[in-house]
Amino acid sequence: MTRIEGSVALVTGGQRGLGQAFVDELLRRGAAKVYATARQPAPSSDPRVEALALDVTDPDSVTTAATVACDVDIVVNNAGALIPAPLLKAEISDVVATFETNVFGPLRITQAFAPILAANGGGALIDIHSVLSWGSGAAAYGASKAAFWSLTNSLRLELAAQRTQVVGVHLGFADTEMVRHLPVDKVDPAEVAAAVFDGVEKGDSEVLVDEVTRQMKAALSGPVEGLAVAIGR
């Protein structure tokens, strides 16, 4: 388990939506400092929040961020991209961009920050997946989240020796700008953040935020037809 009170955390994509909720919850639980990243960050009025420029698809940007945020003991891989299009009609460049942000970006962050976490006692790596890591019908986005989930499970083994707690988070649709146009039930980002950090403090390796996610994971043992997710457009 990881203690949040007094910790120093970094949240990618931490200046809006679900990322902002993670920042707020970390502060509520007593984090000493939170780096809130964005491609073009805005300053915060809270002295505990340090705005940090970061593009997870840019290796140089990741390296620079790791140099600045060398005191972190919690890293939240939250930044993500959703470019909706059926696979058969999608521009390959859009599919590649989705994987660059949702898969290779978090891996870059992990490679850069793993030595920092080790030097600071192990800490925690929190990877934000999706119910669509397991569901079909979400095209490149779902495929990227499935790949990210697989990376997390392998990274958990690789980071065990340095005592880094690796937490994979799955949830349905959080009520954020990214999915505001989708006519589906949505969960309050604050509820997501509370569930995630409850799990972190309990020492969990995986957090299933809502009932739809728990049902989807249970369906993995059944026929593949049971994994389809209807998403309105």
Protein backbone atom coordinates (compact mmCIF):
# COMPACT_ATOMS: atom_id res chain seq x y z
CA MET A 1 0.00 0.00 0.00
CA THR A 2 1.06 3.59 -0.56
CA ARG A 3 0.55 6.49 1.83
CA ILE A 4 -0.87 9.57 0.12
CA GLU A 5 -0.58 12.03 3.00
CA GLY A 6 2.69 13.91 2.58
CA SER A 7 3.39 12.38 -0.83
CA VAL A 8 4.50 14.06 -4.05
CA ALA A 9 2.47 13.01 -7.09
CA LEU A 10 2.38 13.57 -10.83
CA VAL A 11 -0.85 13.34 -12.83
CA THR A 12 -0.62 13.34 -16.62
CA GLY A 13 -3.46 15.25 -18.20
CA GLY A 14 -4.03 16.70 -14.75
CA GLN A 15 -5.58 20.04 -15.62
CA ARG A 16 -9.03 18.98 -16.77
CA GLY A 17 -11.60 16.21 -16.60
CA LEU A 18 -10.67 13.06 -14.75
CA GLY A 19 -7.10 14.24 -14.28
CA GLN A 20 -8.27 17.32 -12.42
CA ALA A 21 -10.39 15.09 -10.16
CA PHE A 22 -7.28 13.03 -9.36
CA VAL A 23 -5.35 16.17 -8.47
CA ASP A 24 -8.17 17.39 -6.23
CA GLU A 25 -8.47 14.04 -4.44
CA LEU A 26 -4.73 13.77 -3.87
CA LEU A 27 -4.78 17.20 -2.25
CA ARG A 28 -7.84 16.32 -0.18
CA ARG A 29 -5.95 13.31 1.18
CA GLY A 30 -2.96 15.42 2.17
CA ALA A 31 -0.49 15.18 -0.72
CA ALA A 32 2.29 17.71 -0.21
CA LYS A 33 2.69 18.53 -3.89
CA VAL A 34 1.03 17.50 -7.15
CA TYR A 35 2.49 18.09 -10.59
CA ALA A 36 -0.49 18.62 -12.90
CA THR A 37 0.64 18.20 -16.49
CA ALA A 38 -0.74 19.43 -19.79
CA ARG A 39 0.66 20.20 -23.20
CA GLN A 40 0.06 23.88 -22.48
CA PRO A 41 -0.35 24.10 -18.71
CA ALA A 42 -2.08 26.94 -16.90
CA PRO A 43 -0.83 28.06 -13.48
CA SER A 44 -2.77 26.98 -10.40
CA SER A 45 -3.91 29.18 -7.54
CA ASP A 46 -3.12 26.36 -5.11
CA PRO A 47 0.55 26.53 -4.00
CA ARG A 48 0.60 22.75 -3.66
CA VAL A 49 -0.05 22.31 -7.41
CA GLU A 50 2.80 22.77 -9.84
CA ALA A 51 1.77 23.10 -13.47
CA LEU A 52 4.14 21.17 -15.71
CA ALA A 53 4.37 21.07 -19.49
CA LEU A 54 4.26 17.52 -20.80
CA ASP A 55 3.41 15.83 -24.08
CA VAL A 56 3.47 12.07 -23.49
CA THR A 57 4.01 11.44 -27.22
CA ASP A 58 7.26 13.47 -27.20
CA PRO A 59 10.28 11.64 -25.71
CA ASP A 60 12.16 14.89 -25.05
CA SER A 61 9.17 16.35 -23.22
CA VAL A 62 8.94 13.24 -21.03
CA THR A 63 12.67 13.38 -20.25
CA THR A 64 12.42 17.06 -19.28
CA ALA A 65 9.41 16.41 -17.04
CA ALA A 66 11.27 13.62 -15.24
CA THR A 67 14.18 15.96 -14.64
CA VAL A 68 11.86 18.55 -13.07
CA ALA A 69 9.63 16.15 -11.10
CA CYS A 70 12.43 14.10 -9.58
CA ASP A 71 10.79 14.10 -6.14
CA VAL A 72 7.62 12.15 -7.01
CA ASP A 73 6.54 8.95 -5.30
CA ILE A 74 3.15 8.58 -7.04
CA VAL A 75 2.64 8.68 -10.82
CA VAL A 76 -0.82 8.63 -12.38
CA ASN A 77 -0.86 7.72 -16.08
CA ASN A 78 -4.15 9.43 -16.94
CA ALA A 79 -3.60 11.31 -20.23
CA GLY A 80 -5.49 9.73 -23.10
CA ALA A 81 -6.98 10.35 -26.53
CA LEU A 82 -10.23 9.27 -28.16
CA ILE A 83 -10.54 9.58 -31.95
CA PRO A 84 -13.81 7.79 -32.80
CA ALA A 85 -14.00 5.93 -36.10
CA PRO A 86 -14.77 2.32 -37.10
CA LEU A 87 -11.58 0.36 -37.71
CA LEU A 88 -12.44 -0.37 -41.34
CA LYS A 89 -12.83 3.34 -42.11
CA ALA A 90 -10.31 4.88 -39.74
CA GLU A 91 -7.31 6.78 -40.98
CA ILE A 92 -4.27 4.72 -40.03
CA SER A 93 -2.62 7.93 -38.85
CA ASP A 94 -5.44 8.35 -36.32
CA VAL A 95 -5.01 4.78 -35.10
CA VAL A 96 -1.27 5.36 -34.70
CA ALA A 97 -1.93 8.63 -32.84
CA THR A 98 -4.31 6.83 -30.48
CA PHE A 99 -1.68 4.23 -29.63
CA GLU A 100 1.02 6.89 -29.28
CA THR A 101 -1.01 8.64 -26.58
CA ASN A 102 -2.75 5.72 -24.86
CA VAL A 103 -0.03 3.04 -24.98
CA PHE A 104 3.44 4.30 -25.85
CA GLY A 105 2.94 7.55 -23.92
CA PRO A 106 2.29 5.83 -20.57
CA LEU A 107 5.18 3.45 -21.26
CA ARG A 108 7.50 6.42 -21.86
CA ILE A 109 6.33 7.94 -18.59
CA THR A 110 6.89 4.68 -16.74
CA GLN A 111 10.37 4.16 -18.16
CA ALA A 112 11.35 7.71 -17.24
CA PHE A 113 9.85 7.72 -13.74
CA ALA A 114 10.52 4.14 -12.58
CA PRO A 115 14.07 5.01 -11.44
CA ILE A 116 12.70 8.06 -9.62
CA LEU A 117 10.08 5.98 -7.83
CA ALA A 118 12.77 3.48 -6.87
CA ALA A 119 15.04 6.20 -5.50
CA ASN A 120 12.15 7.60 -3.47
CA GLY A 121 11.21 4.30 -1.86
CA GLY A 122 9.06 2.56 -4.45
CA GLY A 123 5.82 4.50 -4.37
CA ALA A 124 2.97 3.82 -6.74
CA LEU A 125 2.25 3.76 -10.46
CA ILE A 126 -1.45 4.15 -11.29
CA ASP A 127 -2.57 3.36 -14.84
CA ILE A 128 -6.03 4.49 -15.96
CA HIS A 129 -7.59 1.90 -18.25
CA SER A 130 -11.25 1.49 -19.20
CA VAL A 131 -14.10 -0.99 -19.28
CA LEU A 132 -13.28 -0.91 -23.00
CA SER A 133 -9.97 -2.63 -22.24
CA TRP A 134 -12.14 -5.76 -22.28
CA GLY A 135 -15.13 -4.72 -24.41
CA SER A 136 -15.42 -4.85 -28.17
CA GLY A 137 -16.89 -2.11 -30.33
CA ALA A 138 -14.64 0.81 -29.37
CA ALA A 139 -12.29 0.45 -32.33
CA ALA A 140 -8.76 1.87 -31.90
CA TYR A 141 -9.52 3.34 -28.49
CA GLY A 142 -10.59 -0.02 -27.04
CA ALA A 143 -7.65 -1.77 -28.66
CA SER A 144 -5.24 0.78 -27.20
CA LYS A 145 -6.71 0.39 -23.72
CA ALA A 146 -6.43 -3.41 -24.03
CA ALA A 147 -2.76 -3.02 -24.93
CA PHE A 148 -2.25 -0.60 -22.03
CA TRP A 149 -3.83 -3.10 -19.62
CA SER A 150 -1.43 -5.78 -20.85
CA LEU A 151 1.53 -3.42 -20.38
CA THR A 152 0.41 -2.65 -16.83
CA ASN A 153 0.23 -6.32 -15.90
CA SER A 154 3.77 -6.89 -17.15
CA LEU A 155 5.09 -3.72 -15.55
CA ARG A 156 3.65 -4.87 -12.22
CA LEU A 157 6.00 -7.86 -12.36
CA GLU A 158 8.98 -5.82 -13.51
CA LEU A 159 8.51 -3.15 -10.82
CA ALA A 160 7.89 -5.55 -7.95
CA ALA A 161 11.60 -5.77 -7.11
CA GLN A 162 11.75 -2.03 -6.43
CA ARG A 163 8.57 -2.23 -4.32
CA THR A 164 6.48 -0.03 -6.60
CA GLN A 165 2.76 -0.64 -6.21
CA VAL A 166 1.23 -0.88 -9.69
CA VAL A 167 -2.51 -0.24 -9.84
CA GLY A 168 -4.62 -0.82 -12.94
CA VAL A 169 -7.87 1.15 -12.94
CA HIS A 170 -10.93 0.22 -14.99
CA LEU A 171 -14.10 2.25 -15.25
CA GLY A 172 -17.02 2.94 -17.54
CA PHE A 173 -17.53 6.47 -18.78
CA ALA A 174 -16.57 9.33 -16.50
CA ASP A 175 -18.56 12.52 -16.99
CA THR A 176 -15.88 14.51 -18.79
CA GLU A 177 -15.61 16.61 -21.91
CA MET A 178 -14.03 13.75 -23.87
CA VAL A 179 -17.21 11.64 -23.80
CA ARG A 180 -19.83 14.33 -23.24
CA HIS A 181 -21.39 13.63 -26.66
CA LEU A 182 -21.95 9.92 -25.93
CA PRO A 183 -25.50 9.05 -24.81
CA VAL A 184 -24.40 6.63 -22.08
CA ASP A 185 -24.53 6.55 -18.28
CA LYS A 186 -21.59 8.40 -16.77
CA VAL A 187 -19.94 8.40 -13.36
CA ASP A 188 -18.86 11.51 -11.45
CA PRO A 189 -15.05 12.00 -11.81
CA ALA A 190 -14.85 12.74 -8.07
CA GLU A 191 -16.30 9.29 -7.33
CA VAL A 192 -13.73 7.72 -9.65
CA ALA A 193 -10.86 9.52 -7.94
CA ALA A 194 -12.08 8.51 -4.48
CA ALA A 195 -12.37 4.86 -5.50
CA VAL A 196 -8.90 4.88 -7.08
CA PHE A 197 -7.10 6.30 -4.06
CA ASP A 198 -9.08 4.11 -1.67
CA GLY A 199 -7.61 1.19 -3.61
CA VAL A 200 -4.12 2.65 -3.59
CA GLU A 201 -4.18 3.14 0.17
CA LYS A 202 -5.50 -0.40 0.70
CA GLY A 203 -2.70 -1.89 -1.39
CA ASP A 204 -4.88 -3.07 -4.27
CA SER A 205 -3.38 -4.05 -7.63
CA GLU A 206 -6.58 -3.42 -9.54
CA VAL A 207 -9.55 -1.08 -9.04
CA LEU A 208 -12.89 -1.75 -10.74
CA VAL A 209 -14.69 1.53 -10.22
CA ASP A 210 -18.29 0.75 -11.15
CA GLU A 211 -20.76 -2.06 -11.64
CA VAL A 212 -20.59 -2.02 -15.44
CA THR A 213 -16.85 -2.67 -15.18
CA ARG A 214 -17.30 -5.51 -12.71
CA GLN A 215 -19.88 -7.10 -15.00
CA MET A 216 -17.61 -6.77 -18.03
CA LYS A 217 -14.66 -8.38 -16.29
CA ALA A 218 -16.87 -11.28 -15.21
CA ALA A 219 -17.97 -11.69 -18.84
CA LEU A 220 -14.39 -12.41 -19.92
CA SER A 221 -14.90 -16.05 -18.98
CA GLY A 222 -17.88 -16.33 -21.34
CA PRO A 223 -18.31 -16.16 -25.14
CA VAL A 224 -16.70 -13.24 -26.95
CA GLU A 225 -20.11 -12.11 -28.17
CA GLY A 226 -20.84 -11.10 -24.59
CA LEU A 227 -18.11 -8.46 -24.67
CA ALA A 228 -19.78 -6.10 -27.16
CA VAL A 229 -20.36 -2.57 -25.91
CA ALA A 230 -22.97 -0.39 -27.56
CA ILE A 231 -21.71 3.17 -27.90
CA GLY A 232 -23.98 5.76 -29.48
CA ARG A 233 -22.52 8.22 -31.94
